[in-house]
Amino acid sequence: GYQITKFVTEPVYDTNGQSITDLPLFRYAEVLLNYAEAKAEL
């Protein structure tokens, strides 16, 4: 029932295989999360 919208763009790209949003592999937000968790665990 909770329909996901992350990465979803205009309806023109709804056909299978037609989405063109770049997909993140490394994001600065992850680095900040890593930093806080590593320090908390240490």
ModelCIF file with pLDDT and N, C-alpha, C, O atoms, coordinates in Angstrom:
data_MODEL
#
_entry.id   MODEL 
#
_entity.id                         1 
_entity.type                       polymer 
_entity.pdbx_number_of_molecules   1 
#
_entity_poly.entity_id                      1 
_entity_poly.type                           'polypeptide(L)' 
_entity_poly.nstd_linkage                   no 
_entity_poly.nstd_monomer                   no 
_entity_poly.pdbx_seq_one_letter_code       GYQITKFVTEPVYDTNGQSITDLPLFRYAEVLLNYAEAKAEL 
_entity_poly.pdbx_seq_one_letter_code_can   GYQITKFVTEPVYDTNGQSITDLPLFRYAEVLLNYAEAKAEL 
_entity_poly.pdbx_strand_id                 A 
#
loop_
_entity_poly_seq.entity_id 
_entity_poly_seq.num 
_entity_poly_seq.mon_id 
_entity_poly_seq.hetero 
1 1  GLY n 
1 2  TYR n 
1 3  GLN n 
1 4  ILE n 
1 5  THR n 
1 6  LYS n 
1 7  PHE n 
1 8  VAL n 
1 9  THR n 
1 10 GLU n 
1 11 PRO n 
1 12 VAL n 
1 13 TYR n 
1 14 ASP n 
1 15 THR n 
1 16 ASN n 
1 17 GLY n 
1 18 GLN n 
1 19 SER n 
1 20 ILE n 
1 21 THR n 
1 22 ASP n 
1 23 LEU n 
1 24 PRO n 
1 25 LEU n 
1 26 PHE n 
1 27 ARG n 
1 28 TYR n 
1 29 ALA n 
1 30 GLU n 
1 31 VAL n 
1 32 LEU n 
1 33 LEU n 
1 34 ASN n 
1 35 TYR n 
1 36 ALA n 
1 37 GLU n 
1 38 ALA n 
1 39 LYS n 
1 40 ALA n 
1 41 GLU n 
1 42 LEU n 
#
_struct_asym.id          A 
_struct_asym.entity_id   1 
#
loop_
_ma_qa_metric.id 
_ma_qa_metric.mode 
_ma_qa_metric.name 
_ma_qa_metric.software_group_id 
_ma_qa_metric.type 
1 global pLDDT . pLDDT 
2 local  pLDDT . pLDDT 
#
_ma_qa_metric_global.metric_id      1 
_ma_qa_metric_global.metric_value   97.26 
_ma_qa_metric_global.model_id       1 
_ma_qa_metric_global.ordinal_id     1 
#
loop_
_ma_qa_metric_local.label_asym_id 
_ma_qa_metric_local.label_comp_id 
_ma_qa_metric_local.label_seq_id 
_ma_qa_metric_local.metric_id 
_ma_qa_metric_local.metric_value 
_ma_qa_metric_local.model_id 
_ma_qa_metric_local.ordinal_id 
A GLY 1  2 98.00 1 1  
A TYR 2  2 98.00 1 2  
A GLN 3  2 98.00 1 3  
A ILE 4  2 98.00 1 4  
A THR 5  2 98.00 1 5  
A LYS 6  2 98.00 1 6  
A PHE 7  2 97.00 1 7  
A VAL 8  2 98.00 1 8  
A THR 9  2 97.00 1 9  
A GLU 10 2 97.00 1 10 
A PRO 11 2 97.00 1 11 
A VAL 12 2 97.00 1 12 
A TYR 13 2 97.00 1 13 
A ASP 14 2 96.00 1 14 
A THR 15 2 95.00 1 15 
A ASN 16 2 94.00 1 16 
A GLY 17 2 93.00 1 17 
A GLN 18 2 95.00 1 18 
A SER 19 2 96.00 1 19 
A ILE 20 2 96.00 1 20 
A THR 21 2 96.00 1 21 
A ASP 22 2 96.00 1 22 
A LEU 23 2 96.00 1 23 
A PRO 24 2 97.00 1 24 
A LEU 25 2 97.00 1 25 
A PHE 26 2 98.00 1 26 
A ARG 27 2 98.00 1 27 
A TYR 28 2 98.00 1 28 
A ALA 29 2 98.00 1 29 
A GLU 30 2 98.00 1 30 
A VAL 31 2 98.00 1 31 
A LEU 32 2 98.00 1 32 
A LEU 33 2 99.00 1 33 
A ASN 34 2 98.00 1 34 
A TYR 35 2 99.00 1 35 
A ALA 36 2 98.00 1 36 
A GLU 37 2 99.00 1 37 
A ALA 38 2 99.00 1 38 
A LYS 39 2 98.00 1 39 
A ALA 40 2 98.00 1 40 
A GLU 41 2 98.00 1 41 
A LEU 42 2 98.00 1 42 
#
loop_
_atom_site.group_PDB 
_atom_site.id 
_atom_site.type_symbol 
_atom_site.label_atom_id 
_atom_site.label_alt_id 
_atom_site.label_comp_id 
_atom_site.label_asym_id 
_atom_site.label_entity_id 
_atom_site.label_seq_id 
_atom_site.pdbx_PDB_ins_code 
_atom_site.Cartn_x 
_atom_site.Cartn_y 
_atom_site.Cartn_z 
_atom_site.occupancy 
_atom_site.B_iso_or_equiv 
_atom_site.pdbx_formal_charge 
_atom_site.auth_seq_id 
_atom_site.auth_comp_id 
_atom_site.auth_asym_id 
_atom_site.auth_atom_id 
_atom_site.pdbx_PDB_model_num 
ATOM 1   N N  . GLY A 1 1  ? 0.808  -1.215 0.000   1.00 98.00 ? 1  GLY A N  1 
ATOM 2   C CA . GLY A 1 1  ? 0.000  0.000  0.000   1.00 98.00 ? 1  GLY A CA 1 
ATOM 3   C C  . GLY A 1 1  ? 0.837  1.258  0.000   1.00 98.00 ? 1  GLY A C  1 
ATOM 4   O O  . GLY A 1 1  ? 0.364  2.320  -0.404  1.00 98.00 ? 1  GLY A O  1 
ATOM 5   N N  . TYR A 1 2  ? 2.084  1.152  0.451   1.00 98.00 ? 2  TYR A N  1 
ATOM 6   C CA . TYR A 1 2  ? 2.980  2.307  0.492   1.00 98.00 ? 2  TYR A CA 1 
ATOM 7   C C  . TYR A 1 2  ? 3.781  2.325  -0.810  1.00 98.00 ? 2  TYR A C  1 
ATOM 8   O O  . TYR A 1 2  ? 4.799  1.644  -0.933  1.00 98.00 ? 2  TYR A O  1 
ATOM 9   N N  . GLN A 1 3  ? 3.307  3.113  -1.780  1.00 98.00 ? 3  GLN A N  1 
ATOM 10  C CA . GLN A 1 3  ? 3.875  3.091  -3.125  1.00 98.00 ? 3  GLN A CA 1 
ATOM 11  C C  . GLN A 1 3  ? 5.104  3.989  -3.214  1.00 98.00 ? 3  GLN A C  1 
ATOM 12  O O  . GLN A 1 3  ? 5.049  5.167  -2.862  1.00 98.00 ? 3  GLN A O  1 
ATOM 13  N N  . ILE A 1 4  ? 6.208  3.425  -3.685  1.00 98.00 ? 4  ILE A N  1 
ATOM 14  C CA . ILE A 1 4  ? 7.501  4.109  -3.697  1.00 98.00 ? 4  ILE A CA 1 
ATOM 15  C C  . ILE A 1 4  ? 7.564  5.126  -4.833  1.00 98.00 ? 4  ILE A C  1 
ATOM 16  O O  . ILE A 1 4  ? 7.106  4.863  -5.944  1.00 98.00 ? 4  ILE A O  1 
ATOM 17  N N  . THR A 1 5  ? 8.138  6.292  -4.537  1.00 98.00 ? 5  THR A N  1 
ATOM 18  C CA . THR A 1 5  ? 8.289  7.353  -5.537  1.00 98.00 ? 5  THR A CA 1 
ATOM 19  C C  . THR A 1 5  ? 9.739  7.791  -5.733  1.00 98.00 ? 5  THR A C  1 
ATOM 20  O O  . THR A 1 5  ? 10.015 8.605  -6.614  1.00 98.00 ? 5  THR A O  1 
ATOM 21  N N  . LYS A 1 6  ? 10.656 7.278  -4.946  1.00 98.00 ? 6  LYS A N  1 
ATOM 22  C CA . LYS A 1 6  ? 12.053 7.683  -5.071  1.00 98.00 ? 6  LYS A CA 1 
ATOM 23  C C  . LYS A 1 6  ? 12.572 7.281  -6.448  1.00 98.00 ? 6  LYS A C  1 
ATOM 24  O O  . LYS A 1 6  ? 12.330 6.162  -6.900  1.00 98.00 ? 6  LYS A O  1 
ATOM 25  N N  . PHE A 1 7  ? 13.275 8.179  -7.111  1.00 97.00 ? 7  PHE A N  1 
ATOM 26  C CA . PHE A 1 7  ? 13.835 8.033  -8.452  1.00 97.00 ? 7  PHE A CA 1 
ATOM 27  C C  . PHE A 1 7  ? 12.795 8.172  -9.561  1.00 97.00 ? 7  PHE A C  1 
ATOM 28  O O  . PHE A 1 7  ? 13.169 8.200  -10.733 1.00 97.00 ? 7  PHE A O  1 
ATOM 29  N N  . VAL A 1 8  ? 11.499 8.259  -9.235  1.00 98.00 ? 8  VAL A N  1 
ATOM 30  C CA . VAL A 1 8  ? 10.454 8.299  -10.256 1.00 98.00 ? 8  VAL A CA 1 
ATOM 31  C C  . VAL A 1 8  ? 10.406 9.680  -10.903 1.00 98.00 ? 8  VAL A C  1 
ATOM 32  O O  . VAL A 1 8  ? 10.458 10.703 -10.220 1.00 98.00 ? 8  VAL A O  1 
ATOM 33  N N  . THR A 1 9  ? 10.304 9.690  -12.246 1.00 97.00 ? 9  THR A N  1 
ATOM 34  C CA . THR A 1 9  ? 10.305 10.954 -12.981 1.00 97.00 ? 9  THR A CA 1 
ATOM 35  C C  . THR A 1 9  ? 9.015  11.086 -13.789 1.00 97.00 ? 9  THR A C  1 
ATOM 36  O O  . THR A 1 9  ? 7.987  10.523 -13.412 1.00 97.00 ? 9  THR A O  1 
ATOM 37  N N  . GLU A 1 10 ? 9.062  11.816 -14.880 1.00 97.00 ? 10 GLU A N  1 
ATOM 38  C CA . GLU A 1 10 ? 7.884  12.106 -15.692 1.00 97.00 ? 10 GLU A CA 1 
ATOM 39  C C  . GLU A 1 10 ? 7.291  10.835 -16.288 1.00 97.00 ? 10 GLU A C  1 
ATOM 40  O O  . GLU A 1 10 ? 8.021  9.881  -16.558 1.00 97.00 ? 10 GLU A O  1 
ATOM 41  N N  . PRO A 1 11 ? 5.967  10.810 -16.497 1.00 97.00 ? 11 PRO A N  1 
ATOM 42  C CA . PRO A 1 11 ? 5.306  9.616  -17.039 1.00 97.00 ? 11 PRO A CA 1 
ATOM 43  C C  . PRO A 1 11 ? 5.817  9.191  -18.410 1.00 97.00 ? 11 PRO A C  1 
ATOM 44  O O  . PRO A 1 11 ? 5.651  8.028  -18.780 1.00 97.00 ? 11 PRO A O  1 
ATOM 45  N N  . VAL A 1 12 ? 6.428  10.082 -19.171 1.00 97.00 ? 12 VAL A N  1 
ATOM 46  C CA . VAL A 1 12 ? 6.927  9.730  -20.493 1.00 97.00 ? 12 VAL A CA 1 
ATOM 47  C C  . VAL A 1 12 ? 7.994  8.642  -20.412 1.00 97.00 ? 12 VAL A C  1 
ATOM 48  O O  . VAL A 1 12 ? 8.281  7.981  -21.409 1.00 97.00 ? 12 VAL A O  1 
ATOM 49  N N  . TYR A 1 13 ? 8.586  8.453  -19.225 1.00 97.00 ? 13 TYR A N  1 
ATOM 50  C CA . TYR A 1 13 ? 9.630  7.448  -19.047 1.00 97.00 ? 13 TYR A CA 1 
ATOM 51  C C  . TYR A 1 13 ? 9.118  6.170  -18.371 1.00 97.00 ? 13 TYR A C  1 
ATOM 52  O O  . TYR A 1 13 ? 9.907  5.378  -17.856 1.00 97.00 ? 13 TYR A O  1 
ATOM 53  N N  . ASP A 1 14 ? 7.788  5.973  -18.375 1.00 96.00 ? 14 ASP A N  1 
ATOM 54  C CA . ASP A 1 14 ? 7.213  4.832  -17.667 1.00 96.00 ? 14 ASP A CA 1 
ATOM 55  C C  . ASP A 1 14 ? 7.388  3.496  -18.393 1.00 96.00 ? 14 ASP A C  1 
ATOM 56  O O  . ASP A 1 14 ? 7.244  2.445  -17.767 1.00 96.00 ? 14 ASP A O  1 
ATOM 57  N N  . THR A 1 15 ? 7.691  3.506  -19.679 1.00 95.00 ? 15 THR A N  1 
ATOM 58  C CA . THR A 1 15 ? 7.886  2.257  -20.411 1.00 95.00 ? 15 THR A CA 1 
ATOM 59  C C  . THR A 1 15 ? 9.100  1.519  -19.862 1.00 95.00 ? 15 THR A C  1 
ATOM 60  O O  . THR A 1 15 ? 10.086 2.134  -19.456 1.00 95.00 ? 15 THR A O  1 
ATOM 61  N N  . ASN A 1 16 ? 9.015  0.196  -19.856 1.00 94.00 ? 16 ASN A N  1 
ATOM 62  C CA . ASN A 1 16 ? 10.108 -0.603 -19.315 1.00 94.00 ? 16 ASN A CA 1 
ATOM 63  C C  . ASN A 1 16 ? 11.428 -0.294 -20.026 1.00 94.00 ? 16 ASN A C  1 
ATOM 64  O O  . ASN A 1 16 ? 11.511 -0.327 -21.254 1.00 94.00 ? 16 ASN A O  1 
ATOM 65  N N  . GLY A 1 17 ? 12.459 0.008  -19.225 1.00 93.00 ? 17 GLY A N  1 
ATOM 66  C CA . GLY A 1 17 ? 13.785 0.269  -19.770 1.00 93.00 ? 17 GLY A CA 1 
ATOM 67  C C  . GLY A 1 17 ? 14.021 1.683  -20.253 1.00 93.00 ? 17 GLY A C  1 
ATOM 68  O O  . GLY A 1 17 ? 15.053 1.957  -20.866 1.00 93.00 ? 17 GLY A O  1 
ATOM 69  N N  . GLN A 1 18 ? 13.084 2.597  -19.992 1.00 95.00 ? 18 GLN A N  1 
ATOM 70  C CA . GLN A 1 18 ? 13.213 3.951  -20.542 1.00 95.00 ? 18 GLN A CA 1 
ATOM 71  C C  . GLN A 1 18 ? 13.577 5.012  -19.504 1.00 95.00 ? 18 GLN A C  1 
ATOM 72  O O  . GLN A 1 18 ? 13.737 6.177  -19.869 1.00 95.00 ? 18 GLN A O  1 
ATOM 73  N N  . SER A 1 19 ? 13.712 4.659  -18.237 1.00 96.00 ? 19 SER A N  1 
ATOM 74  C CA . SER A 1 19 ? 14.093 5.657  -17.234 1.00 96.00 ? 19 SER A CA 1 
ATOM 75  C C  . SER A 1 19 ? 15.539 6.096  -17.449 1.00 96.00 ? 19 SER A C  1 
ATOM 76  O O  . SER A 1 19 ? 16.399 5.277  -17.774 1.00 96.00 ? 19 SER A O  1 
ATOM 77  N N  . ILE A 1 20 ? 15.804 7.383  -17.270 1.00 96.00 ? 20 ILE A N  1 
ATOM 78  C CA . ILE A 1 20 ? 17.142 7.908  -17.568 1.00 96.00 ? 20 ILE A CA 1 
ATOM 79  C C  . ILE A 1 20 ? 17.770 8.656  -16.397 1.00 96.00 ? 20 ILE A C  1 
ATOM 80  O O  . ILE A 1 20 ? 18.799 9.307  -16.574 1.00 96.00 ? 20 ILE A O  1 
ATOM 81  N N  . THR A 1 21 ? 17.187 8.580  -15.223 1.00 96.00 ? 21 THR A N  1 
ATOM 82  C CA . THR A 1 21 ? 17.826 9.214  -14.068 1.00 96.00 ? 21 THR A CA 1 
ATOM 83  C C  . THR A 1 21 ? 19.155 8.524  -13.779 1.00 96.00 ? 21 THR A C  1 
ATOM 84  O O  . THR A 1 21 ? 19.224 7.297  -13.717 1.00 96.00 ? 21 THR A O  1 
ATOM 85  N N  . ASP A 1 22 ? 20.208 9.319  -13.603 1.00 96.00 ? 22 ASP A N  1 
ATOM 86  C CA . ASP A 1 22 ? 21.476 8.741  -13.169 1.00 96.00 ? 22 ASP A CA 1 
ATOM 87  C C  . ASP A 1 22 ? 21.286 8.102  -11.795 1.00 96.00 ? 22 ASP A C  1 
ATOM 88  O O  . ASP A 1 22 ? 20.503 8.590  -10.980 1.00 96.00 ? 22 ASP A O  1 
ATOM 89  N N  . LEU A 1 23 ? 21.997 7.020  -11.547 1.00 96.00 ? 23 LEU A N  1 
ATOM 90  C CA . LEU A 1 23 ? 21.855 6.299  -10.282 1.00 96.00 ? 23 LEU A CA 1 
ATOM 91  C C  . LEU A 1 23 ? 23.106 6.482  -9.434  1.00 96.00 ? 23 LEU A C  1 
ATOM 92  O O  . LEU A 1 23 ? 24.206 6.177  -9.894  1.00 96.00 ? 23 LEU A O  1 
ATOM 93  N N  . PRO A 1 24 ? 22.962 6.972  -8.203  1.00 97.00 ? 24 PRO A N  1 
ATOM 94  C CA . PRO A 1 24 ? 24.130 7.246  -7.362  1.00 97.00 ? 24 PRO A CA 1 
ATOM 95  C C  . PRO A 1 24 ? 24.810 5.972  -6.890  1.00 97.00 ? 24 PRO A C  1 
ATOM 96  O O  . PRO A 1 24 ? 24.147 5.018  -6.481  1.00 97.00 ? 24 PRO A O  1 
ATOM 97  N N  . LEU A 1 25 ? 26.132 5.961  -6.949  1.00 97.00 ? 25 LEU A N  1 
ATOM 98  C CA . LEU A 1 25 ? 26.950 4.864  -6.436  1.00 97.00 ? 25 LEU A CA 1 
ATOM 99  C C  . LEU A 1 25 ? 27.646 5.260  -5.139  1.00 97.00 ? 25 LEU A C  1 
ATOM 100 O O  . LEU A 1 25 ? 27.810 4.437  -4.239  1.00 97.00 ? 25 LEU A O  1 
ATOM 101 N N  . PHE A 1 26 ? 28.052 6.513  -5.048  1.00 98.00 ? 26 PHE A N  1 
ATOM 102 C CA . PHE A 1 26 ? 28.612 7.080  -3.821  1.00 98.00 ? 26 PHE A CA 1 
ATOM 103 C C  . PHE A 1 26 ? 28.003 8.454  -3.625  1.00 98.00 ? 26 PHE A C  1 
ATOM 104 O O  . PHE A 1 26 ? 27.946 9.264  -4.550  1.00 98.00 ? 26 PHE A O  1 
ATOM 105 N N  . ARG A 1 27 ? 27.549 8.706  -2.408  1.00 98.00 ? 27 ARG A N  1 
ATOM 106 C CA . ARG A 1 27 ? 26.891 9.966  -2.105  1.00 98.00 ? 27 ARG A CA 1 
ATOM 107 C C  . ARG A 1 27 ? 27.481 10.529 -0.812  1.00 98.00 ? 27 ARG A C  1 
ATOM 108 O O  . ARG A 1 27 ? 27.775 9.783  0.122   1.00 98.00 ? 27 ARG A O  1 
ATOM 109 N N  . TYR A 1 28 ? 27.649 11.830 -0.768  1.00 98.00 ? 28 TYR A N  1 
ATOM 110 C CA . TYR A 1 28 ? 28.235 12.482 0.403   1.00 98.00 ? 28 TYR A CA 1 
ATOM 111 C C  . TYR A 1 28 ? 27.417 12.192 1.664   1.00 98.00 ? 28 TYR A C  1 
ATOM 112 O O  . TYR A 1 28 ? 27.970 12.104 2.760   1.00 98.00 ? 28 TYR A O  1 
ATOM 113 N N  . ALA A 1 29 ? 26.105 12.045 1.504   1.00 98.00 ? 29 ALA A N  1 
ATOM 114 C CA . ALA A 1 29 ? 25.259 11.736 2.665   1.00 98.00 ? 29 ALA A CA 1 
ATOM 115 C C  . ALA A 1 29 ? 25.689 10.437 3.327   1.00 98.00 ? 29 ALA A C  1 
ATOM 116 O O  . ALA A 1 29 ? 25.678 10.330 4.553   1.00 98.00 ? 29 ALA A O  1 
ATOM 117 N N  . GLU A 1 30 ? 26.069 9.445  2.520   1.00 98.00 ? 30 GLU A N  1 
ATOM 118 C CA . GLU A 1 30 ? 26.535 8.194  3.101   1.00 98.00 ? 30 GLU A CA 1 
ATOM 119 C C  . GLU A 1 30 ? 27.801 8.413  3.921   1.00 98.00 ? 30 GLU A C  1 
ATOM 120 O O  . GLU A 1 30 ? 27.951 7.838  4.999   1.00 98.00 ? 30 GLU A O  1 
ATOM 121 N N  . VAL A 1 31 ? 28.698 9.231  3.421   1.00 98.00 ? 31 VAL A N  1 
ATOM 122 C CA . VAL A 1 31 ? 29.948 9.520  4.136   1.00 98.00 ? 31 VAL A CA 1 
ATOM 123 C C  . VAL A 1 31 ? 29.637 10.098 5.518   1.00 98.00 ? 31 VAL A C  1 
ATOM 124 O O  . VAL A 1 31 ? 30.256 9.712  6.509   1.00 98.00 ? 31 VAL A O  1 
ATOM 125 N N  . LEU A 1 32 ? 28.682 11.018 5.581   1.00 98.00 ? 32 LEU A N  1 
ATOM 126 C CA . LEU A 1 32 ? 28.313 11.613 6.871   1.00 98.00 ? 32 LEU A CA 1 
ATOM 127 C C  . LEU A 1 32 ? 27.719 10.569 7.815   1.00 98.00 ? 32 LEU A C  1 
ATOM 128 O O  . LEU A 1 32 ? 28.005 10.574 9.012   1.00 98.00 ? 32 LEU A O  1 
ATOM 129 N N  . LEU A 1 33 ? 26.904 9.686  7.279   1.00 99.00 ? 33 LEU A N  1 
ATOM 130 C CA . LEU A 1 33 ? 26.341 8.608  8.095   1.00 99.00 ? 33 LEU A CA 1 
ATOM 131 C C  . LEU A 1 33 ? 27.440 7.657  8.570   1.00 99.00 ? 33 LEU A C  1 
ATOM 132 O O  . LEU A 1 33 ? 27.439 7.229  9.724   1.00 99.00 ? 33 LEU A O  1 
ATOM 133 N N  . ASN A 1 34 ? 28.367 7.332  7.686   1.00 98.00 ? 34 ASN A N  1 
ATOM 134 C CA . ASN A 1 34 ? 29.490 6.468  8.066   1.00 98.00 ? 34 ASN A CA 1 
ATOM 135 C C  . ASN A 1 34 ? 30.288 7.089  9.203   1.00 98.00 ? 34 ASN A C  1 
ATOM 136 O O  . ASN A 1 34 ? 30.658 6.418  10.166  1.00 98.00 ? 34 ASN A O  1 
ATOM 137 N N  . TYR A 1 35 ? 30.542 8.367  9.070   1.00 99.00 ? 35 TYR A N  1 
ATOM 138 C CA . TYR A 1 35 ? 31.359 9.091  10.057  1.00 99.00 ? 35 TYR A CA 1 
ATOM 139 C C  . TYR A 1 35 ? 30.711 9.038  11.438  1.00 99.00 ? 35 TYR A C  1 
ATOM 140 O O  . TYR A 1 35 ? 31.364 8.712  12.430  1.00 99.00 ? 35 TYR A O  1 
ATOM 141 N N  . ALA A 1 36 ? 29.417 9.362  11.489  1.00 98.00 ? 36 ALA A N  1 
ATOM 142 C CA . ALA A 1 36 ? 28.727 9.381  12.784  1.00 98.00 ? 36 ALA A CA 1 
ATOM 143 C C  . ALA A 1 36 ? 28.667 7.982  13.393  1.00 98.00 ? 36 ALA A C  1 
ATOM 144 O O  . ALA A 1 36 ? 28.875 7.814  14.595  1.00 98.00 ? 36 ALA A O  1 
ATOM 145 N N  . GLU A 1 37 ? 28.385 6.989  12.569  1.00 99.00 ? 37 GLU A N  1 
ATOM 146 C CA . GLU A 1 37 ? 28.259 5.634  13.105  1.00 99.00 ? 37 GLU A CA 1 
ATOM 147 C C  . GLU A 1 37 ? 29.601 5.094  13.593  1.00 99.00 ? 37 GLU A C  1 
ATOM 148 O O  . GLU A 1 37 ? 29.678 4.485  14.659  1.00 99.00 ? 37 GLU A O  1 
ATOM 149 N N  . ALA A 1 38 ? 30.655 5.319  12.812  1.00 99.00 ? 38 ALA A N  1 
ATOM 150 C CA . ALA A 1 38 ? 31.974 4.823  13.218  1.00 99.00 ? 38 ALA A CA 1 
ATOM 151 C C  . ALA A 1 38 ? 32.400 5.447  14.546  1.00 99.00 ? 38 ALA A C  1 
ATOM 152 O O  . ALA A 1 38 ? 32.936 4.758  15.414  1.00 99.00 ? 38 ALA A O  1 
ATOM 153 N N  . LYS A 1 39 ? 32.167 6.736  14.700  1.00 98.00 ? 39 LYS A N  1 
ATOM 154 C CA . LYS A 1 39 ? 32.545 7.393  15.946  1.00 98.00 ? 39 LYS A CA 1 
ATOM 155 C C  . LYS A 1 39 ? 31.679 6.915  17.113  1.00 98.00 ? 39 LYS A C  1 
ATOM 156 O O  . LYS A 1 39 ? 32.169 6.758  18.231  1.00 98.00 ? 39 LYS A O  1 
ATOM 157 N N  . ALA A 1 40 ? 30.397 6.688  16.848  1.00 98.00 ? 40 ALA A N  1 
ATOM 158 C CA . ALA A 1 40 ? 29.515 6.194  17.908  1.00 98.00 ? 40 ALA A CA 1 
ATOM 159 C C  . ALA A 1 40 ? 29.930 4.791  18.345  1.00 98.00 ? 40 ALA A C  1 
ATOM 160 O O  . ALA A 1 40 ? 29.964 4.502  19.541  1.00 98.00 ? 40 ALA A O  1 
ATOM 161 N N  . GLU A 1 41 ? 30.243 3.925  17.393  1.00 98.00 ? 41 GLU A N  1 
ATOM 162 C CA . GLU A 1 41 ? 30.646 2.553  17.722  1.00 98.00 ? 41 GLU A CA 1 
ATOM 163 C C  . GLU A 1 41 ? 32.015 2.527  18.407  1.00 98.00 ? 41 GLU A C  1 
ATOM 164 O O  . GLU A 1 41 ? 32.293 1.635  19.209  1.00 98.00 ? 41 GLU A O  1 
ATOM 165 N N  . LEU A 1 42 ? 32.855 3.490  18.094  1.00 98.00 ? 42 LEU A N  1 
ATOM 166 C CA . LEU A 1 42 ? 34.172 3.559  18.718  1.00 98.00 ? 42 LEU A CA 1 
ATOM 167 C C  . LEU A 1 42 ? 34.109 4.223  20.090  1.00 98.00 ? 42 LEU A C  1 
ATOM 168 O O  . LEU A 1 42 ? 35.135 4.362  20.756  1.00 98.00 ? 42 LEU A O  1 
#
